[in-house]
């Protein structure tokens, strides 16, 4: 539907990604959902061998010098395998890689980015803690000065890729002053697994299994100061830029599996008969397919529009609003698409004879992680009102308020 938004190079790359999707063994998908495979290293290794990881990063470091529109296209295609494949694909090669590319030095890029994009090592991002997820700046993980290193203590949980990662992007409080602004108290650290990180617990998840989601415990882990990402107490700057790959990436990766679900449901309803005719002739079925198709197209359009805005350098405030509302709209729309697909298939859609039930389970994560959709609402409202407050200074195109019959009845305009 949105091929017109892609150029020849992007469409060519899409065929490469689809070849990767066709390569993935069916047994791997099933084993991951059974938790028999806890982290799909061979999938990421193959993606690295095909130079499909981190396509928007400079070729100097192993990327393809492309853009956010291309990245979103790649994430969508990978997601047709299942939401968890897009999650593990994006966490290392987009989220963690992005932080190092934007805030790291050449030594850090050489040591971590280059082998990461080749699929030789794996990474995970550590945000959520047992006492808080959305309250990022309330982190209780601490890193104290130990001379030429920092001593890291604390816990992170629900870490996608934690089971298989060779290194972690960890945010910790480094300024112990309780009165300091929390945004000036946190540092982003690159923490190697061999430093003594304990992957202490592997969760039993409703869906998105096989992605190595784990709890990490740091007990007096020594982190060399050369592994500080950005500057000491400068973690907020890293976090702020990470919200683009976190949330736009989440929106893009969410589209693939409901797209596949809708295709399965479309084929099924075109063949299944009831009351003497194919069930796609009944409005109760066809209207649900129509709604799902509309939502999927709208979700794709929103992702590509947002990606183009980011590529064009939209100012930070409008970018935050656009990305946040995209994340919310797309994740909720895609869950609806998958639910419609199951509904029109009836009872058989609720079984593992078809992949719809797995897709529905997996997609439930989309509106929770990388900032709940309630947090997205809060950001959208804040940024929208900020933009509104600036309108009088910029000047309205027209004073529409004055176009009411009794607009001059000031005694009726009571605000307090």
Protein backbone atom coordinates (compact mmCIF):
# COMPACT_ATOMS: atom_id res chain seq x y z
CA UNK A 1 0.00 0.00 0.00
CA UNK A 2 2.85 2.40 0.78
CA UNK A 3 5.39 1.39 -1.85
CA UNK A 4 5.24 4.90 -3.26
CA UNK A 5 6.99 6.13 -0.11
CA UNK A 6 10.03 3.93 -0.80
CA UNK A 7 12.72 4.52 -3.39
CA UNK A 8 14.41 1.83 -5.48
CA UNK A 9 17.21 1.28 -2.95
CA UNK A 10 14.73 0.83 -0.13
CA UNK A 11 12.60 -1.59 -2.13
CA UNK A 12 15.72 -3.56 -3.02
CA UNK A 13 16.70 -3.74 0.64
CA UNK A 14 13.19 -4.89 1.49
CA UNK A 15 13.70 -7.91 -0.76
CA UNK A 16 16.90 -8.70 1.14
CA UNK A 17 15.00 -8.56 4.43
CA UNK A 18 12.26 -10.79 3.04
CA UNK A 19 14.94 -13.30 2.05
CA UNK A 20 16.07 -13.32 5.69
CA UNK A 21 12.47 -13.82 6.80
CA UNK A 22 12.12 -16.78 4.43
CA UNK A 23 15.40 -18.23 5.74
CA UNK A 24 14.28 -18.46 9.38
CA UNK A 25 13.47 -22.09 10.25
CA UNK A 26 9.90 -22.82 11.34
CA UNK A 27 11.33 -24.92 14.18
CA UNK A 28 13.06 -21.84 15.62
CA UNK A 29 9.80 -19.90 15.80
CA UNK A 30 8.03 -22.78 17.54
CA UNK A 31 10.93 -23.50 19.90
CA UNK A 32 11.11 -19.88 20.98
CA UNK A 33 7.41 -19.78 21.79
CA UNK A 34 7.90 -22.91 23.94
CA UNK A 35 10.90 -21.32 25.67
CA UNK A 36 13.05 -24.14 24.38
CA UNK A 37 15.20 -21.50 22.72
CA UNK A 38 15.76 -18.62 25.09
CA UNK A 39 17.57 -16.24 22.73
CA UNK A 40 17.79 -16.49 18.90
CA UNK A 41 21.51 -15.90 18.42
CA UNK A 42 21.59 -17.69 15.06
CA UNK A 43 18.91 -15.34 13.72
CA UNK A 44 20.88 -12.23 14.69
CA UNK A 45 24.10 -13.78 13.42
CA UNK A 46 22.48 -14.42 10.05
CA UNK A 47 21.06 -10.88 9.94
CA UNK A 48 24.56 -9.58 10.64
CA UNK A 49 26.10 -11.74 7.94
CA UNK A 50 23.58 -10.28 5.49
CA UNK A 51 24.43 -6.72 6.63
CA UNK A 52 20.82 -6.05 7.66
CA UNK A 53 21.46 -4.80 11.18
CA UNK A 54 21.60 -1.03 11.72
CA UNK A 55 21.03 0.02 8.11
CA UNK A 56 20.82 3.73 8.98
CA UNK A 57 24.28 3.92 10.55
CA UNK A 58 27.41 4.95 8.63
CA UNK A 59 29.02 2.29 6.47
CA UNK A 60 32.26 3.13 8.29
CA UNK A 61 30.86 1.27 11.31
CA UNK A 62 29.01 -1.46 9.42
CA UNK A 63 25.72 0.21 8.47
CA UNK A 64 24.36 1.21 5.08
CA UNK A 65 24.11 5.01 5.34
CA UNK A 66 20.32 4.91 5.08
CA UNK A 67 17.56 6.64 7.08
CA UNK A 68 14.67 6.23 9.50
CA UNK A 69 12.15 5.49 6.77
CA UNK A 70 14.33 2.56 5.68
CA UNK A 71 14.74 1.39 9.27
CA UNK A 72 10.98 1.36 9.80
CA UNK A 73 10.50 -0.65 6.63
CA UNK A 74 13.09 -3.19 7.78
CA UNK A 75 11.55 -3.48 11.25
CA UNK A 76 8.09 -4.05 9.80
CA UNK A 77 9.32 -6.85 7.54
CA UNK A 78 11.25 -8.55 10.33
CA UNK A 79 8.12 -8.35 12.47
CA UNK A 80 6.23 -10.62 10.10
CA UNK A 81 8.19 -13.48 11.67
CA UNK A 82 6.70 -12.58 15.04
CA UNK A 83 6.86 -9.58 17.32
CA UNK A 84 9.71 -11.00 19.42
CA UNK A 85 11.96 -11.27 16.37
CA UNK A 86 11.54 -7.56 15.72
CA UNK A 87 12.13 -6.86 19.41
CA UNK A 88 15.48 -8.64 19.62
CA UNK A 89 16.46 -7.31 16.18
CA UNK A 90 15.79 -3.75 17.32
CA UNK A 91 17.06 -3.78 20.90
CA UNK A 92 20.70 -4.31 20.06
CA UNK A 93 21.12 -3.05 16.52
CA UNK A 94 18.89 0.00 16.98
CA UNK A 95 18.47 1.01 20.63
CA UNK A 96 21.87 0.25 22.12
CA UNK A 97 23.68 0.94 18.86
CA UNK A 98 21.94 4.29 18.54
CA UNK A 99 23.11 5.39 21.99
CA UNK A 100 26.72 4.55 21.22
CA UNK A 101 26.60 6.09 17.75
CA UNK A 102 25.17 9.37 19.08
CA UNK A 103 27.06 9.67 22.37
CA UNK A 104 30.03 7.33 22.19
CA UNK A 105 33.60 7.85 21.08
CA UNK A 106 35.43 6.04 18.31
CA UNK A 107 36.97 3.53 20.71
CA UNK A 108 33.52 2.54 21.95
CA UNK A 109 32.16 2.34 18.42
CA UNK A 110 35.06 0.17 17.30
CA UNK A 111 34.74 -2.17 20.27
CA UNK A 112 30.96 -2.46 20.41
CA UNK A 113 29.17 -1.14 17.32
CA UNK A 114 31.17 -2.80 14.59
CA UNK A 115 30.93 -6.37 15.95
CA UNK A 116 27.32 -5.74 17.03
CA UNK A 117 26.27 -4.90 13.47
CA UNK A 118 28.15 -7.95 12.17
CA UNK A 119 26.09 -10.16 14.49
CA UNK A 120 29.18 -11.27 16.39
CA UNK A 121 28.11 -9.90 19.77
CA UNK A 122 24.73 -8.97 21.25
CA UNK A 123 23.48 -6.15 23.44
CA UNK A 124 20.58 -5.29 25.73
CA UNK A 125 19.25 -2.02 27.15
CA UNK A 126 18.61 -1.85 30.91
CA UNK A 127 15.95 0.65 32.01
CA UNK A 128 13.21 -0.97 34.09
CA UNK A 129 13.78 -1.79 37.76
CA UNK A 130 11.78 -3.81 40.30
CA UNK A 131 10.54 -0.59 41.92
CA UNK A 132 9.80 1.33 38.76
CA UNK A 133 9.49 1.28 35.01
CA UNK A 134 8.09 4.56 33.75
CA UNK A 135 9.74 6.44 36.64
CA UNK A 136 13.10 6.32 34.88
CA UNK A 137 14.76 9.11 36.86
CA UNK A 138 13.80 7.44 40.13
CA UNK A 139 16.36 4.68 39.48
CA UNK A 140 17.79 2.99 42.57
CA UNK A 141 20.70 1.37 40.70
CA UNK A 142 23.84 3.21 41.81
CA UNK A 143 27.41 3.48 40.58
CA UNK A 144 29.98 4.85 43.03
CA UNK A 145 33.40 6.25 42.24
CA UNK A 146 36.14 3.65 42.64
CA UNK A 147 39.07 5.56 41.18
CA UNK A 148 39.61 4.50 37.59
CA UNK A 149 36.28 2.69 37.60
CA UNK A 150 32.72 2.86 38.94
CA UNK A 151 31.27 0.24 41.29
CA UNK A 152 27.80 -0.71 40.09
CA UNK A 153 25.07 -2.14 42.35
CA UNK A 154 21.37 -2.65 41.71
CA UNK A 155 18.85 -4.56 39.63
CA UNK A 156 17.15 -4.22 36.27
CA UNK A 157 14.25 -6.38 35.14
CA UNK A 158 12.18 -7.26 32.07
CA UNK A 159 15.36 -6.82 30.02
CA UNK A 160 14.72 -8.13 26.50
CA UNK A 161 17.88 -9.84 25.31
CA UNK A 162 19.34 -10.03 28.81
CA UNK A 163 19.78 -13.80 28.50
CA UNK A 164 21.98 -13.58 25.42
CA UNK A 165 23.65 -10.15 25.60
CA UNK A 166 27.42 -9.77 25.73
CA UNK A 167 27.14 -6.21 27.02
CA UNK A 168 24.49 -3.92 28.45
CA UNK A 169 23.54 -0.25 28.28
CA UNK A 170 22.84 0.52 31.94
CA UNK A 171 21.56 3.72 33.54
CA UNK A 172 22.64 4.28 37.14
CA UNK A 173 22.62 7.10 39.68
CA UNK A 174 26.13 8.48 40.06
CA UNK A 175 25.44 11.64 42.06
CA UNK A 176 24.42 10.65 45.62
CA UNK A 177 23.17 14.14 46.55
CA UNK A 178 19.42 13.67 47.28
CA UNK A 179 18.73 17.34 46.51
CA UNK A 180 20.25 17.41 43.04
CA UNK A 181 17.98 17.42 39.99
CA UNK A 182 17.58 13.72 39.05
CA UNK A 183 18.29 14.64 35.43
CA UNK A 184 21.77 15.68 36.55
CA UNK A 185 22.41 12.60 38.65
CA UNK A 186 22.30 9.65 36.23
CA UNK A 187 25.01 8.21 33.99
CA UNK A 188 24.75 5.83 31.03
CA UNK A 189 27.27 3.00 31.21
CA UNK A 190 28.43 0.25 28.87
CA UNK A 191 28.72 -2.82 31.07
CA UNK A 192 30.40 -5.98 29.82
CA UNK A 193 28.80 -9.26 30.82
CA UNK A 194 32.08 -10.72 31.98
CA UNK A 195 32.34 -7.96 34.55
CA UNK A 196 30.26 -10.17 36.85
CA UNK A 197 26.66 -9.40 35.92
CA UNK A 198 24.26 -12.00 37.29
CA UNK A 199 21.38 -12.90 34.97
CA UNK A 200 19.34 -14.18 37.87
CA UNK A 201 15.85 -14.84 36.55
CA UNK A 202 14.22 -15.73 33.25
CA UNK A 203 10.57 -14.74 33.14
CA UNK A 204 7.63 -16.91 32.15
CA UNK A 205 5.92 -14.57 29.74
CA UNK A 206 2.42 -14.53 28.27
CA UNK A 207 3.95 -13.91 24.86
CA UNK A 208 7.16 -12.69 23.20
CA UNK A 209 8.97 -15.76 24.46
CA UNK A 210 12.43 -16.69 23.32
CA UNK A 211 13.79 -13.15 23.49
CA UNK A 212 15.92 -13.73 26.56
CA UNK A 213 13.87 -11.48 28.83
CA UNK A 214 15.69 -11.54 32.16
CA UNK A 215 16.42 -9.88 35.48
CA UNK A 216 19.93 -8.56 35.88
CA UNK A 217 21.64 -8.13 39.25
CA UNK A 218 24.76 -6.00 39.62
CA UNK A 219 26.81 -6.74 42.74
CA UNK A 220 29.93 -4.60 43.03
CA UNK A 221 30.46 -4.75 39.28
CA UNK A 222 33.53 -2.76 38.26
CA UNK A 223 32.87 -0.61 35.21
CA UNK A 224 35.90 1.19 33.71
CA UNK A 225 35.36 4.92 33.45
CA UNK A 226 36.24 4.65 29.77
CA UNK A 227 32.89 2.87 29.45
CA UNK A 228 30.92 5.93 30.49
CA UNK A 229 28.69 6.80 27.56
CA UNK A 230 28.68 10.55 27.00
CA UNK A 231 29.70 12.26 30.23
CA UNK A 232 29.45 11.56 33.94
CA UNK A 233 25.97 12.52 35.23
CA UNK A 234 24.93 13.02 31.59
CA UNK A 235 22.62 10.02 31.26
CA UNK A 236 19.56 12.22 30.68
CA UNK A 237 20.96 13.37 27.33
CA UNK A 238 21.40 9.75 26.26
CA UNK A 239 17.93 8.81 27.48
CA UNK A 240 16.29 11.72 25.65
CA UNK A 241 17.73 10.73 22.28
CA UNK A 242 16.97 7.06 22.93
CA UNK A 243 13.26 7.79 23.01
CA UNK A 244 13.29 8.06 19.21
CA UNK A 245 14.50 4.50 18.51
CA UNK A 246 12.65 3.22 21.60
CA UNK A 247 9.21 4.44 20.59
CA UNK A 248 9.32 4.96 16.84
CA UNK A 249 11.08 1.62 16.57
CA UNK A 250 8.36 0.02 18.68
CA UNK A 251 5.67 1.43 16.39
CA UNK A 252 7.43 0.21 13.25
CA UNK A 253 8.13 -3.28 14.56
CA UNK A 254 4.52 -3.70 15.70
CA UNK A 255 3.07 -3.59 12.18
CA UNK A 256 4.57 -6.79 10.75
CA UNK A 257 2.85 -9.52 12.73
CA UNK A 258 -0.72 -8.13 12.56
CA UNK A 259 -0.17 -7.66 8.84
CA UNK A 260 0.61 -11.37 8.66
CA UNK A 261 -2.40 -12.17 10.86
CA UNK A 262 -4.70 -10.23 8.57
CA UNK A 263 -3.36 -12.08 5.54
CA UNK A 264 -3.98 -15.44 7.24
CA UNK A 265 -7.52 -14.37 8.17
CA UNK A 266 -8.15 -13.08 4.66
CA UNK A 267 -7.18 -16.38 3.08
CA UNK A 268 -9.22 -18.33 5.63
CA UNK A 269 -12.40 -16.27 5.24
CA UNK A 270 -12.10 -16.46 1.45
CA UNK A 271 -12.28 -20.28 1.64
CA UNK A 272 -14.42 -21.04 4.69
CA UNK A 273 -18.11 -21.58 3.99
CA UNK A 274 -21.14 -21.25 6.27
CA UNK A 275 -24.85 -21.10 5.45
CA UNK A 276 -24.02 -22.04 1.89
CA UNK A 277 -21.54 -19.27 1.02
CA UNK A 278 -18.04 -18.08 1.78
CA UNK A 279 -17.97 -16.18 5.05
CA UNK A 280 -16.22 -13.15 3.52
CA UNK A 281 -19.60 -12.41 1.90
CA UNK A 282 -21.12 -11.72 5.33
CA UNK A 283 -20.90 -8.14 6.58
CA UNK A 284 -20.13 -9.38 10.08
CA UNK A 285 -16.88 -10.75 8.65
CA UNK A 286 -16.05 -8.42 5.77
CA UNK A 287 -16.58 -5.26 7.83
CA UNK A 288 -14.11 -6.47 10.44
CA UNK A 289 -11.58 -7.15 7.71
CA UNK A 290 -12.26 -3.68 6.29
CA UNK A 291 -11.70 -2.08 9.70
CA UNK A 292 -8.48 -4.03 10.21
CA UNK A 293 -7.22 -3.08 6.76
CA UNK A 294 -7.97 0.59 7.41
CA UNK A 295 -6.20 0.55 10.78
CA UNK A 296 -3.17 -1.23 9.35
CA UNK A 297 -2.86 1.25 6.48
CA UNK A 298 -3.27 4.17 8.87
CA UNK A 299 -0.62 2.71 11.18
CA UNK A 300 1.84 2.30 8.31
CA UNK A 301 1.17 5.83 7.07
CA UNK A 302 1.69 7.24 10.55
CA UNK A 303 4.98 5.39 11.02
CA UNK A 304 6.37 6.54 7.66
CA UNK A 305 5.21 10.12 8.20
CA UNK A 306 6.86 10.21 11.62
CA UNK A 307 10.03 8.64 10.25
CA UNK A 308 10.23 11.30 7.54
CA UNK A 309 9.74 14.01 10.17
CA UNK A 310 12.63 12.63 12.22
CA UNK A 311 14.82 12.37 9.12
CA UNK A 312 13.95 16.00 8.30
CA UNK A 313 15.01 17.20 11.76
CA UNK A 314 11.66 18.24 13.25
CA UNK A 315 12.21 20.28 16.48
CA UNK A 316 12.35 18.27 19.76
CA UNK A 317 8.88 19.18 21.11
CA UNK A 318 6.87 18.29 18.01
CA UNK A 319 9.09 15.21 17.54
CA UNK A 320 8.25 13.97 21.04
CA UNK A 321 4.54 14.48 20.40
CA UNK A 322 4.55 12.87 16.98
CA UNK A 323 6.54 9.84 18.13
CA UNK A 324 4.47 9.38 21.29
CA UNK A 325 1.13 9.53 19.52
CA UNK A 326 2.47 7.26 16.78
CA UNK A 327 3.57 4.69 19.34
CA UNK A 328 0.19 4.76 21.04
CA UNK A 329 -1.97 4.76 17.90
CA UNK A 330 0.01 2.08 16.07
CA UNK A 331 0.32 -0.35 18.98
CA UNK A 332 -3.37 -0.13 19.87
CA UNK A 333 -4.47 -0.28 16.23
CA UNK A 334 -2.31 -3.32 15.55
CA UNK A 335 -3.71 -5.13 18.57
CA UNK A 336 -7.17 -4.45 17.16
CA UNK A 337 -6.11 -5.78 13.76
CA UNK A 338 -4.91 -9.06 15.32
CA UNK A 339 -8.07 -9.34 17.42
CA UNK A 340 -10.26 -8.84 14.35
CA UNK A 341 -8.28 -11.50 12.53
CA UNK A 342 -8.95 -13.95 15.34
CA UNK A 343 -12.62 -12.98 15.59
CA UNK A 344 -13.47 -13.61 11.94
CA UNK A 345 -11.79 -17.01 12.09
CA UNK A 346 -13.91 -18.07 15.02
CA UNK A 347 -12.84 -20.88 17.33
CA UNK A 348 -10.07 -22.16 15.06
CA UNK A 349 -8.32 -18.80 15.45
CA UNK A 350 -8.09 -19.41 19.18
CA UNK A 351 -6.07 -22.60 18.67
CA UNK A 352 -2.49 -23.22 17.64
CA UNK A 353 -3.64 -24.64 14.31
CA UNK A 354 -3.07 -21.06 13.11
CA UNK A 355 -0.52 -18.52 14.41
CA UNK A 356 -3.14 -15.89 15.29
CA UNK A 357 -3.26 -16.78 18.99
CA UNK A 358 0.53 -16.39 19.29
CA UNK A 359 0.43 -13.08 17.43
CA UNK A 360 -2.28 -11.77 19.78
CA UNK A 361 -0.30 -12.85 22.84
CA UNK A 362 2.90 -11.31 21.58
CA UNK A 363 1.35 -7.99 20.58
CA UNK A 364 -0.03 -7.34 24.05
CA UNK A 365 3.46 -6.21 25.01
CA UNK A 366 3.49 -3.41 22.43
CA UNK A 367 1.35 -0.94 24.41
CA UNK A 368 3.28 -1.61 27.64
CA UNK A 369 7.00 -1.54 26.95
CA UNK A 370 9.22 1.42 25.95
CA UNK A 371 6.82 3.62 27.93
CA UNK A 372 3.21 2.65 28.52
CA UNK A 373 0.59 4.20 26.29
CA UNK A 374 -0.66 6.16 29.30
CA UNK A 375 2.78 7.80 29.45
CA UNK A 376 2.47 8.47 25.72
CA UNK A 377 -0.82 10.27 26.41
CA UNK A 378 0.81 12.42 29.05
CA UNK A 379 3.62 13.41 26.68
CA UNK A 380 1.24 14.15 23.81
CA UNK A 381 -0.98 16.33 26.01
CA UNK A 382 1.99 18.23 27.46
CA UNK A 383 3.57 18.92 24.09
CA UNK A 384 0.24 19.82 22.47
CA UNK A 385 -0.57 22.40 25.13
CA UNK A 386 2.96 23.78 24.84
CA UNK A 387 2.45 24.23 21.11
CA UNK A 388 -0.94 25.84 21.74
CA UNK A 389 0.58 28.28 24.22
CA UNK A 390 2.99 29.44 21.53
CA UNK A 391 0.28 30.03 18.93
CA UNK A 392 -0.71 33.60 19.92
CA UNK A 393 2.90 34.67 19.52
CA UNK A 394 3.13 33.11 16.08
CA UNK A 395 -0.29 34.47 15.16
CA UNK A 396 -3.44 32.56 14.27
CA UNK A 397 -4.24 32.17 10.60
CA UNK A 398 -7.68 33.45 11.51
CA UNK A 399 -9.40 34.29 14.79
CA UNK A 400 -11.99 31.52 14.50
CA UNK A 401 -13.31 32.27 17.99
CA UNK A 402 -14.65 35.57 16.68
CA UNK A 403 -16.74 33.77 14.05
CA UNK A 404 -19.53 32.90 16.51
CA UNK A 405 -22.87 34.77 16.42
CA UNK A 406 -22.42 36.20 19.91
CA UNK A 407 -18.65 36.20 20.07
CA UNK A 408 -18.70 39.65 21.69
CA UNK A 409 -20.68 38.50 24.73
CA UNK A 410 -17.71 38.79 27.05
CA UNK A 411 -19.92 38.55 30.14
CA UNK A 412 -20.63 34.94 29.15
CA UNK A 413 -16.97 33.97 28.86
CA UNK A 414 -16.26 33.08 32.45
CA UNK A 415 -13.02 31.25 33.22
CA UNK A 416 -12.71 31.44 37.01
